């Protein structure tokens, strides 16, 4: 079995540039300046009730950048060794989720809108959707085989 490298979770936060005037707030991201990968797909998530969760999976090779353009939610990511938790509540703040990292989106505020950019086209076989399976692949001890 090949040794799995754990994706680092210490450099995942991104701040987009914004401009505010009397007309409102404009926040923007530009290609490889703001995305650490080539963008192949975007999608957005809306109408999630407070008691529901999204995510609950890891990608085998897809990277994602996720932000909350309206409202708020809690994002929990886990690389098999450690987990981190973030409150996403601003359109100029995003989190990069490397491949091989479990993610869960929880505690959605009413009316939240989540925007996600992905490095790969949709591929149903590119997911690990069971946490026990994820841990069997990525949950090795640091320096272990």
Protein backbone atom coordinates (compact mmCIF):
# COMPACT_ATOMS: atom_id res chain seq x y z
CA UNK A 1 0.00 0.00 0.00
CA UNK A 2 1.33 3.45 -0.87
CA UNK A 3 1.95 5.96 1.88
CA UNK A 4 -0.64 8.74 2.01
CA UNK A 5 0.53 12.31 2.43
CA UNK A 6 -1.74 14.36 4.70
CA UNK A 7 -2.82 17.68 3.20
CA UNK A 8 -1.73 20.54 5.46
CA UNK A 9 -4.58 22.51 7.01
CA UNK A 10 -2.61 25.54 8.21
CA UNK A 11 -2.64 27.62 5.01
CA UNK A 12 -6.21 27.24 3.76
CA UNK A 13 -7.70 30.69 4.39
CA UNK A 14 -8.09 33.18 1.53
CA UNK A 15 -9.20 36.83 1.53
CA UNK A 16 -10.68 38.23 -1.68
CA UNK A 17 -10.40 41.88 -2.60
CA UNK A 18 -13.47 44.06 -2.11
CA UNK A 19 -14.57 47.56 -2.92
CA UNK A 20 -17.41 49.34 -1.12
CA UNK A 21 -19.13 52.53 -2.12
CA UNK A 22 -22.65 53.97 -1.82
CA UNK A 23 -23.90 51.37 -4.34
CA UNK A 24 -22.83 48.43 -2.17
CA UNK A 25 -20.01 45.91 -1.84
CA UNK A 26 -18.21 44.37 -4.83
CA UNK A 27 -16.03 41.35 -4.02
CA UNK A 28 -14.07 39.59 -6.73
CA UNK A 29 -11.66 36.76 -7.50
CA UNK A 30 -9.41 36.48 -10.54
CA UNK A 31 -8.22 33.22 -12.10
CA UNK A 32 -4.84 32.05 -10.84
CA UNK A 33 -4.36 35.22 -8.77
CA UNK A 34 -6.95 34.23 -6.20
CA UNK A 35 -7.57 30.55 -6.94
CA UNK A 36 -4.66 28.20 -6.19
CA UNK A 37 -5.80 25.90 -9.03
CA UNK A 38 -7.35 26.07 -12.49
CA UNK A 39 -11.08 26.49 -12.07
CA UNK A 40 -13.06 23.82 -13.97
CA UNK A 41 -16.42 23.96 -12.21
CA UNK A 42 -18.45 26.25 -9.96
CA UNK A 43 -21.62 25.53 -8.08
CA UNK A 44 -23.67 27.17 -5.39
CA UNK A 45 -25.72 25.84 -2.50
CA UNK A 46 -28.90 27.54 -1.30
CA UNK A 47 -32.00 26.82 0.77
CA UNK A 48 -30.32 24.58 3.36
CA UNK A 49 -32.34 24.44 6.58
CA UNK A 50 -30.61 24.83 9.95
CA UNK A 51 -30.94 21.15 10.86
CA UNK A 52 -29.35 19.86 7.65
CA UNK A 53 -25.71 19.42 6.69
CA UNK A 54 -23.92 19.43 3.34
CA UNK A 55 -20.61 17.91 2.31
CA UNK A 56 -19.88 14.85 4.37
CA UNK A 57 -17.28 13.58 1.94
CA UNK A 58 -13.70 13.90 0.70
CA UNK A 59 -12.47 14.20 -2.87
CA UNK A 60 -9.79 11.83 -4.13
CA UNK A 61 -8.19 14.43 -6.41
CA UNK A 62 -10.41 17.52 -6.61
CA UNK A 63 -9.48 20.73 -4.78
CA UNK A 64 -12.20 23.20 -3.83
CA UNK A 65 -12.45 26.80 -2.67
CA UNK A 66 -15.57 27.57 -0.69
CA UNK A 67 -17.07 30.85 0.47
CA UNK A 68 -20.33 32.12 1.89
CA UNK A 69 -21.59 34.99 -0.24
CA UNK A 70 -24.64 35.52 1.97
CA UNK A 71 -25.49 34.38 5.49
CA UNK A 72 -23.22 32.03 7.39
CA UNK A 73 -22.33 28.41 8.06
CA UNK A 74 -19.73 26.38 9.92
CA UNK A 75 -17.14 24.43 7.90
CA UNK A 76 -15.26 21.51 9.45
CA UNK A 77 -12.32 19.96 7.58
CA UNK A 78 -10.26 16.90 8.54
CA UNK A 79 -7.08 15.59 6.88
CA UNK A 80 -6.97 12.23 8.66
CA UNK A 81 -4.78 13.55 11.48
CA UNK A 82 -6.31 16.82 12.63
CA UNK A 83 -9.45 18.82 12.03
CA UNK A 84 -10.12 22.56 11.82
CA UNK A 85 -13.35 24.49 12.10
CA UNK A 86 -14.23 27.82 10.45
CA UNK A 87 -17.16 30.19 10.54
CA UNK A 88 -17.78 31.44 7.01
CA UNK A 89 -19.87 34.60 7.22
CA UNK A 90 -18.35 37.08 4.77
CA UNK A 91 -18.22 37.13 0.95
CA UNK A 92 -14.53 38.11 0.97
CA UNK A 93 -13.40 35.09 3.00
CA UNK A 94 -12.85 31.60 1.58
CA UNK A 95 -11.33 28.27 2.54
CA UNK A 96 -9.32 26.05 0.21
CA UNK A 97 -10.07 22.37 0.69
CA UNK A 98 -7.23 20.20 -0.67
CA UNK A 99 -7.86 16.77 -2.14
CA UNK A 100 -7.96 14.02 0.46
CA UNK A 101 -9.63 16.24 3.07
CA UNK A 102 -13.02 15.45 4.59
CA UNK A 103 -15.41 18.40 4.77
CA UNK A 104 -18.74 19.07 6.41
CA UNK A 105 -20.91 22.22 6.15
CA UNK A 106 -23.19 22.74 9.14
CA UNK A 107 -25.31 25.25 11.07
CA UNK A 108 -26.57 27.25 8.09
CA UNK A 109 -28.18 30.62 8.78
CA UNK A 110 -31.48 31.25 7.00
CA UNK A 111 -30.95 32.47 3.46
CA UNK A 112 -27.29 31.44 3.20
CA UNK A 113 -25.69 31.19 -0.23
CA UNK A 114 -22.50 29.13 -0.58
CA UNK A 115 -20.28 29.40 -3.66
CA UNK A 116 -17.77 26.64 -4.48
CA UNK A 117 -15.05 26.57 -7.14
CA UNK A 118 -13.57 23.17 -8.04
CA UNK A 119 -10.37 22.06 -9.80
CA UNK A 120 -12.07 19.10 -11.51
CA UNK A 121 -15.23 18.39 -13.48
CA UNK A 122 -17.89 16.44 -11.59
CA UNK A 123 -17.00 12.77 -11.24
CA UNK A 124 -19.20 10.61 -9.01
CA UNK A 125 -16.34 8.10 -8.57
CA UNK A 126 -14.02 10.83 -7.26
CA UNK A 127 -15.66 10.95 -3.82
CA UNK A 128 -15.17 9.12 -0.55
CA UNK A 129 -18.57 9.39 1.15
CA UNK A 130 -18.03 7.15 4.18
CA UNK A 131 -15.97 8.59 7.06
CA UNK A 132 -14.70 5.16 8.16
CA UNK A 133 -13.45 4.49 4.63
CA UNK A 134 -11.85 7.96 4.58
CA UNK A 135 -10.05 7.23 7.86
CA UNK A 136 -8.88 3.84 6.60
CA UNK A 137 -7.15 5.64 3.69
CA UNK A 138 -6.09 8.98 5.24
CA UNK A 139 -6.27 8.35 8.99
CA UNK A 140 -2.75 7.05 9.42
CA UNK A 141 -0.55 8.26 12.23
CA UNK A 142 2.06 10.88 11.34
CA UNK A 143 5.13 9.04 10.06
CA UNK A 144 3.25 5.73 10.05
CA UNK A 145 2.82 3.31 7.16
